[in-house]
Amino acid sequence: MHNYNSSFSDWIYAQKSHVKALNGWLMRCLLREPEEISDGTAPFSPGKFSAPPVFVVCNKWSRVVDKLSEKDVIEAFNGFMIGLKEILDLQQKSTVDKELERKLKNLERQEQEKHKVMQT
C-alpha cells in the first residue's frame, strides 16, 4: 500500500510536469506580444489570439492541473493505511491471544491429567 501511495504521488507529479512542459512548448510556437497592465503582465490566453484549439485546450489543461492538489488524496490514503495497520495489529493480537489461550488450556488439561495420575 505504501508503494502504491508513493507511485500515485510520482504519477501526479509526472502528469503535472508533462502538461506544464507541453504547454510551455506550445506557447513558444505562438507569436505574441506580452500585454502590459498596471499591476504587471496580463495572464496569457491563447483564445484571445485565435490560436488553434490544441493551444487553447493545452493552456486550460495546464492551468487546471496547476490548481489541483493531490495533497488531500495522499493524506486520505495515508489515513487509510494507518487504519489498515491498526486493524492488522488488532487481528495479529487476537491471533496471539487465541494461541496463548489454546496453550493455557493445554497446560490446564496436562495438569488435570497429572492430578488424576497422582490420585490413582
N, C-alpha and C. Protein backbone atom coordinates (compact mmCIF):
# COMPACT_ATOMS: atom_id res chain seq x y z
N MET A 1 0.83 -1.19 0.00
CA MET A 1 0.00 0.00 0.00
C MET A 1 0.88 1.26 0.00
N HIS A 2 1.96 1.17 0.75
CA HIS A 2 2.88 2.32 0.78
C HIS A 2 3.46 2.57 -0.61
N ASN A 3 3.84 1.49 -1.30
CA ASN A 3 4.38 1.63 -2.66
C ASN A 3 3.34 2.21 -3.60
N TYR A 4 2.08 1.81 -3.44
CA TYR A 4 1.00 2.35 -4.27
C TYR A 4 0.87 3.85 -4.05
N ASN A 5 0.88 4.27 -2.79
CA ASN A 5 0.76 5.69 -2.47
C ASN A 5 1.92 6.49 -3.05
N SER A 6 3.12 5.94 -2.93
CA SER A 6 4.30 6.61 -3.47
C SER A 6 4.23 6.69 -5.00
N SER A 7 3.79 5.61 -5.62
CA SER A 7 3.66 5.59 -7.08
C SER A 7 2.60 6.59 -7.55
N PHE A 8 1.51 6.68 -6.80
CA PHE A 8 0.45 7.64 -7.14
C PHE A 8 0.99 9.07 -7.10
N SER A 9 1.72 9.37 -6.04
CA SER A 9 2.30 10.70 -5.90
C SER A 9 3.27 11.00 -7.05
N ASP A 10 4.10 10.03 -7.40
CA ASP A 10 5.04 10.20 -8.51
C ASP A 10 4.29 10.39 -9.83
N TRP A 11 3.20 9.65 -10.01
CA TRP A 11 2.41 9.74 -11.24
C TRP A 11 1.79 11.13 -11.38
N ILE A 12 1.24 11.67 -10.29
CA ILE A 12 0.64 13.01 -10.31
C ILE A 12 1.71 14.04 -10.67
N TYR A 13 2.88 13.93 -10.05
CA TYR A 13 3.97 14.87 -10.34
C TYR A 13 4.36 14.78 -11.81
N ALA A 14 4.44 13.57 -12.35
CA ALA A 14 4.81 13.38 -13.76
C ALA A 14 3.76 13.98 -14.68
N GLN A 15 2.48 13.80 -14.34
CA GLN A 15 1.41 14.36 -15.16
C GLN A 15 1.48 15.89 -15.17
N LYS A 16 1.67 16.46 -14.00
CA LYS A 16 1.75 17.93 -13.92
C LYS A 16 2.96 18.44 -14.71
N SER A 17 4.08 17.77 -14.57
CA SER A 17 5.29 18.18 -15.30
C SER A 17 5.10 18.05 -16.80
N HIS A 18 4.46 16.97 -17.21
CA HIS A 18 4.22 16.73 -18.64
C HIS A 18 3.34 17.83 -19.23
N VAL A 19 2.24 18.13 -18.57
CA VAL A 19 1.32 19.16 -19.08
C VAL A 19 2.00 20.52 -19.09
N LYS A 20 2.75 20.83 -18.05
CA LYS A 20 3.44 22.12 -18.00
C LYS A 20 4.47 22.24 -19.13
N ALA A 21 5.22 21.17 -19.36
CA ALA A 21 6.23 21.19 -20.44
C ALA A 21 5.57 21.29 -21.81
N LEU A 22 4.49 20.55 -22.01
CA LEU A 22 3.78 20.59 -23.29
C LEU A 22 3.20 21.98 -23.54
N ASN A 23 2.60 22.57 -22.52
CA ASN A 23 2.04 23.91 -22.67
C ASN A 23 3.15 24.93 -22.94
N GLY A 24 4.26 24.81 -22.24
CA GLY A 24 5.38 25.73 -22.47
C GLY A 24 5.91 25.62 -23.89
N TRP A 25 6.00 24.40 -24.39
CA TRP A 25 6.49 24.19 -25.76
C TRP A 25 5.52 24.79 -26.77
N LEU A 26 4.22 24.55 -26.57
CA LEU A 26 3.23 25.11 -27.50
C LEU A 26 3.21 26.64 -27.45
N MET A 27 3.37 27.21 -26.26
CA MET A 27 3.33 28.67 -26.14
C MET A 27 4.50 29.32 -26.88
N ARG A 28 5.62 28.62 -26.98
CA ARG A 28 6.75 29.18 -27.72
C ARG A 28 6.48 29.23 -29.21
N CYS A 29 5.51 28.43 -29.65
CA CYS A 29 5.17 28.41 -31.08
C CYS A 29 4.24 29.55 -31.48
N LEU A 30 3.66 30.24 -30.51
CA LEU A 30 2.76 31.36 -30.81
C LEU A 30 3.55 32.66 -30.86
N LEU A 31 3.28 33.45 -31.85
CA LEU A 31 3.88 34.78 -31.92
C LEU A 31 2.95 35.73 -31.18
N ARG A 32 3.46 36.30 -30.11
CA ARG A 32 2.61 37.19 -29.32
C ARG A 32 3.47 38.24 -28.63
N GLU A 33 2.85 39.33 -28.36
CA GLU A 33 3.48 40.40 -27.58
C GLU A 33 2.85 40.37 -26.19
N PRO A 34 3.65 40.25 -25.12
CA PRO A 34 3.06 40.26 -23.78
C PRO A 34 2.31 41.56 -23.52
N GLU A 35 1.11 41.42 -23.02
CA GLU A 35 0.27 42.58 -22.74
C GLU A 35 0.63 43.12 -21.36
N GLU A 36 0.97 44.41 -21.31
CA GLU A 36 1.33 45.04 -20.04
C GLU A 36 0.10 45.72 -19.44
N ILE A 37 -0.11 45.49 -18.14
CA ILE A 37 -1.17 46.19 -17.43
C ILE A 37 -0.56 46.86 -16.21
N SER A 38 -1.36 47.66 -15.51
CA SER A 38 -0.81 48.46 -14.42
C SER A 38 -0.18 47.64 -13.30
N ASP A 39 -0.70 46.43 -13.02
CA ASP A 39 -0.14 45.63 -11.92
C ASP A 39 0.77 44.51 -12.42
N GLY A 40 1.34 44.63 -13.60
CA GLY A 40 2.27 43.62 -14.11
C GLY A 40 1.85 43.11 -15.47
N THR A 41 2.28 41.89 -15.80
CA THR A 41 1.95 41.27 -17.09
C THR A 41 0.59 40.59 -17.00
N ALA A 42 -0.24 40.82 -18.01
CA ALA A 42 -1.57 40.21 -18.04
C ALA A 42 -1.45 38.71 -18.28
N PRO A 43 -2.37 37.92 -17.71
CA PRO A 43 -2.34 36.49 -17.97
C PRO A 43 -2.59 36.23 -19.46
N PHE A 44 -1.85 35.28 -19.99
CA PHE A 44 -1.94 34.99 -21.42
C PHE A 44 -3.05 34.00 -21.68
N SER A 45 -3.84 34.29 -22.72
CA SER A 45 -4.90 33.38 -23.12
C SER A 45 -4.78 33.15 -24.62
N PRO A 46 -4.46 31.91 -25.05
CA PRO A 46 -4.33 31.65 -26.48
C PRO A 46 -5.63 31.91 -27.24
N GLY A 47 -6.77 31.80 -26.57
CA GLY A 47 -8.06 32.05 -27.22
C GLY A 47 -8.18 33.47 -27.73
N LYS A 48 -7.55 34.43 -27.05
CA LYS A 48 -7.60 35.83 -27.48
C LYS A 48 -6.88 36.04 -28.81
N PHE A 49 -5.94 35.17 -29.09
CA PHE A 49 -5.14 35.33 -30.31
C PHE A 49 -5.62 34.41 -31.43
N SER A 50 -6.79 33.84 -31.29
CA SER A 50 -7.34 32.90 -32.27
C SER A 50 -6.35 31.76 -32.56
N ALA A 51 -5.73 31.28 -31.51
CA ALA A 51 -4.78 30.16 -31.64
C ALA A 51 -5.56 28.88 -31.97
N PRO A 52 -4.91 27.92 -32.61
CA PRO A 52 -5.57 26.64 -32.88
C PRO A 52 -6.08 26.01 -31.58
N PRO A 53 -7.13 25.20 -31.66
CA PRO A 53 -7.73 24.62 -30.44
C PRO A 53 -6.76 23.87 -29.54
N VAL A 54 -5.76 23.21 -30.10
CA VAL A 54 -4.80 22.48 -29.27
C VAL A 54 -4.09 23.41 -28.30
N PHE A 55 -3.81 24.64 -28.71
CA PHE A 55 -3.15 25.61 -27.85
C PHE A 55 -4.08 26.00 -26.70
N VAL A 56 -5.34 26.26 -27.04
CA VAL A 56 -6.32 26.68 -26.03
C VAL A 56 -6.55 25.56 -25.02
N VAL A 57 -6.78 24.34 -25.54
CA VAL A 57 -7.04 23.20 -24.65
C VAL A 57 -5.84 22.94 -23.74
N CYS A 58 -4.66 22.93 -24.30
CA CYS A 58 -3.46 22.64 -23.50
C CYS A 58 -3.23 23.72 -22.44
N ASN A 59 -3.47 24.97 -22.80
CA ASN A 59 -3.30 26.06 -21.85
C ASN A 59 -4.30 25.93 -20.70
N LYS A 60 -5.56 25.63 -21.02
CA LYS A 60 -6.57 25.45 -19.97
C LYS A 60 -6.23 24.24 -19.10
N TRP A 61 -5.80 23.17 -19.74
CA TRP A 61 -5.43 21.94 -19.04
C TRP A 61 -4.30 22.23 -18.05
N SER A 62 -3.31 22.99 -18.51
CA SER A 62 -2.18 23.33 -17.66
C SER A 62 -2.62 24.15 -16.44
N ARG A 63 -3.50 25.11 -16.67
CA ARG A 63 -3.98 25.95 -15.55
C ARG A 63 -4.78 25.12 -14.55
N VAL A 64 -5.62 24.22 -15.05
CA VAL A 64 -6.44 23.39 -14.16
C VAL A 64 -5.55 22.45 -13.35
N VAL A 65 -4.58 21.81 -14.00
CA VAL A 65 -3.69 20.88 -13.32
C VAL A 65 -2.87 21.60 -12.25
N ASP A 66 -2.46 22.85 -12.54
CA ASP A 66 -1.71 23.62 -11.54
C ASP A 66 -2.54 23.89 -10.29
N LYS A 67 -3.86 24.06 -10.47
CA LYS A 67 -4.73 24.36 -9.34
C LYS A 67 -5.08 23.11 -8.52
N LEU A 68 -4.99 21.94 -9.14
CA LEU A 68 -5.34 20.71 -8.43
C LEU A 68 -4.30 20.39 -7.36
N SER A 69 -4.78 19.85 -6.27
CA SER A 69 -3.87 19.44 -5.20
C SER A 69 -4.08 17.95 -4.92
N GLU A 70 -3.01 17.21 -5.03
CA GLU A 70 -3.06 15.79 -4.71
C GLU A 70 -2.88 15.56 -3.22
N LYS A 71 -2.61 16.64 -2.48
CA LYS A 71 -2.34 16.55 -1.05
C LYS A 71 -3.48 15.87 -0.29
N ASP A 72 -4.73 16.24 -0.58
CA ASP A 72 -5.87 15.65 0.13
C ASP A 72 -5.97 14.15 -0.13
N VAL A 73 -5.75 13.75 -1.38
CA VAL A 73 -5.84 12.34 -1.73
C VAL A 73 -4.73 11.56 -1.02
N ILE A 74 -3.52 12.10 -1.04
CA ILE A 74 -2.39 11.42 -0.41
C ILE A 74 -2.58 11.34 1.11
N GLU A 75 -3.09 12.42 1.72
CA GLU A 75 -3.35 12.40 3.16
C GLU A 75 -4.45 11.40 3.51
N ALA A 76 -5.49 11.33 2.68
CA ALA A 76 -6.57 10.37 2.91
C ALA A 76 -6.03 8.95 2.79
N PHE A 77 -5.19 8.73 1.82
CA PHE A 77 -4.61 7.40 1.64
C PHE A 77 -3.72 7.04 2.82
N ASN A 78 -2.95 8.01 3.31
CA ASN A 78 -2.11 7.76 4.49
C ASN A 78 -2.99 7.40 5.69
N GLY A 79 -4.12 8.10 5.85
CA GLY A 79 -5.07 7.78 6.93
C GLY A 79 -5.61 6.37 6.77
N PHE A 80 -5.92 5.99 5.54
CA PHE A 80 -6.40 4.64 5.26
C PHE A 80 -5.34 3.61 5.66
N MET A 81 -4.08 3.88 5.31
CA MET A 81 -3.00 2.93 5.63
C MET A 81 -2.81 2.81 7.14
N ILE A 82 -2.95 3.93 7.86
CA ILE A 82 -2.83 3.88 9.33
C ILE A 82 -3.96 3.04 9.91
N GLY A 83 -5.19 3.25 9.42
CA GLY A 83 -6.33 2.46 9.89
C GLY A 83 -6.15 0.98 9.58
N LEU A 84 -5.66 0.68 8.39
CA LEU A 84 -5.42 -0.70 8.00
C LEU A 84 -4.37 -1.36 8.89
N LYS A 85 -3.32 -0.60 9.21
CA LYS A 85 -2.28 -1.14 10.10
C LYS A 85 -2.85 -1.42 11.48
N GLU A 86 -3.72 -0.54 11.98
CA GLU A 86 -4.34 -0.76 13.29
C GLU A 86 -5.19 -2.03 13.28
N ILE A 87 -5.94 -2.23 12.19
CA ILE A 87 -6.77 -3.43 12.07
C ILE A 87 -5.89 -4.68 12.04
N LEU A 88 -4.83 -4.63 11.25
CA LEU A 88 -3.93 -5.78 11.16
C LEU A 88 -3.26 -6.07 12.50
N ASP A 89 -2.88 -5.00 13.22
CA ASP A 89 -2.28 -5.19 14.54
C ASP A 89 -3.27 -5.84 15.51
N LEU A 90 -4.53 -5.39 15.47
CA LEU A 90 -5.56 -5.98 16.33
C LEU A 90 -5.80 -7.44 15.97
N GLN A 91 -5.81 -7.71 14.67
CA GLN A 91 -6.02 -9.08 14.21
C GLN A 91 -4.86 -9.97 14.67
N GLN A 92 -3.65 -9.45 14.55
CA GLN A 92 -2.47 -10.22 14.98
C GLN A 92 -2.52 -10.45 16.49
N LYS A 93 -2.91 -9.40 17.24
CA LYS A 93 -3.01 -9.53 18.70
C LYS A 93 -4.07 -10.57 19.05
N SER A 94 -5.19 -10.53 18.33
CA SER A 94 -6.25 -11.51 18.57
C SER A 94 -5.75 -12.93 18.29
N THR A 95 -4.99 -13.09 17.22
CA THR A 95 -4.43 -14.41 16.89
C THR A 95 -3.47 -14.87 17.97
N VAL A 96 -2.64 -13.96 18.45
CA VAL A 96 -1.69 -14.30 19.52
C VAL A 96 -2.46 -14.65 20.79
N ASP A 97 -3.50 -13.86 21.11
CA ASP A 97 -4.32 -14.15 22.30
C ASP A 97 -4.96 -15.53 22.20
N LYS A 98 -5.48 -15.87 21.04
CA LYS A 98 -6.10 -17.18 20.85
C LYS A 98 -5.07 -18.29 21.01
N GLU A 99 -3.89 -18.07 20.49
CA GLU A 99 -2.81 -19.06 20.60
C GLU A 99 -2.42 -19.25 22.07
N LEU A 100 -2.30 -18.14 22.80
CA LEU A 100 -1.97 -18.23 24.23
C LEU A 100 -3.08 -18.94 25.01
N GLU A 101 -4.32 -18.64 24.66
CA GLU A 101 -5.46 -19.27 25.32
C GLU A 101 -5.45 -20.79 25.06
N ARG A 102 -5.15 -21.19 23.84
CA ARG A 102 -5.08 -22.59 23.49
C ARG A 102 -3.96 -23.29 24.29
N LYS A 103 -2.81 -22.63 24.38
CA LYS A 103 -1.69 -23.21 25.14
C LYS A 103 -2.04 -23.32 26.63
N LEU A 104 -2.73 -22.30 27.16
CA LEU A 104 -3.13 -22.32 28.56
C LEU A 104 -4.09 -23.49 28.82
N LYS A 105 -5.04 -23.70 27.93
CA LYS A 105 -5.97 -24.83 28.08
C LYS A 105 -5.22 -26.16 28.03
N ASN A 106 -4.24 -26.26 27.13
CA ASN A 106 -3.43 -27.49 27.06
C ASN A 106 -2.68 -27.72 28.37
N LEU A 107 -2.11 -26.67 28.94
CA LEU A 107 -1.39 -26.80 30.21
C LEU A 107 -2.34 -27.20 31.33
N GLU A 108 -3.53 -26.60 31.35
CA GLU A 108 -4.52 -26.94 32.38
C GLU A 108 -4.93 -28.41 32.24
N ARG A 109 -5.13 -28.86 31.01
CA ARG A 109 -5.50 -30.25 30.76
C ARG A 109 -4.38 -31.19 31.23
N GLN A 110 -3.13 -30.83 30.92
CA GLN A 110 -2.00 -31.66 31.35
C GLN A 110 -1.92 -31.71 32.88
N GLU A 111 -2.18 -30.56 33.50
CA GLU A 111 -2.13 -30.51 34.96
C GLU A 111 -3.24 -31.38 35.56
N GLN A 112 -4.43 -31.34 34.97
CA GLN A 112 -5.53 -32.18 35.46
C GLN A 112 -5.18 -33.66 35.31
N GLU A 113 -4.54 -34.01 34.19
CA GLU A 113 -4.14 -35.40 33.97
C GLU A 113 -3.11 -35.83 35.01
N LYS A 114 -2.18 -34.95 35.35
CA LYS A 114 -1.17 -35.25 36.37
C LYS A 114 -1.85 -35.47 37.73
N HIS A 115 -2.85 -34.66 38.05
CA HIS A 115 -3.57 -34.81 39.31
C HIS A 115 -4.29 -36.14 39.37
N LYS A 116 -4.88 -36.55 38.22
CA LYS A 116 -5.57 -37.83 38.17
C LYS A 116 -4.60 -38.98 38.40
N VAL A 117 -3.44 -38.87 37.75
CA VAL A 117 -2.41 -39.90 37.90
C VAL A 117 -1.95 -39.97 39.33
N MET A 118 -1.75 -38.82 39.96
CA MET A 118 -1.27 -38.77 41.33
C MET A 118 -2.34 -39.33 42.29
N GLN A 119 -3.60 -39.08 41.99
CA GLN A 119 -4.68 -39.58 42.86
C GLN A 119 -4.81 -41.09 42.76
N THR A 120 -4.56 -41.62 41.58
CA THR A 120 -4.69 -43.07 41.44
C THR A 120 -3.46 -43.73 42.02
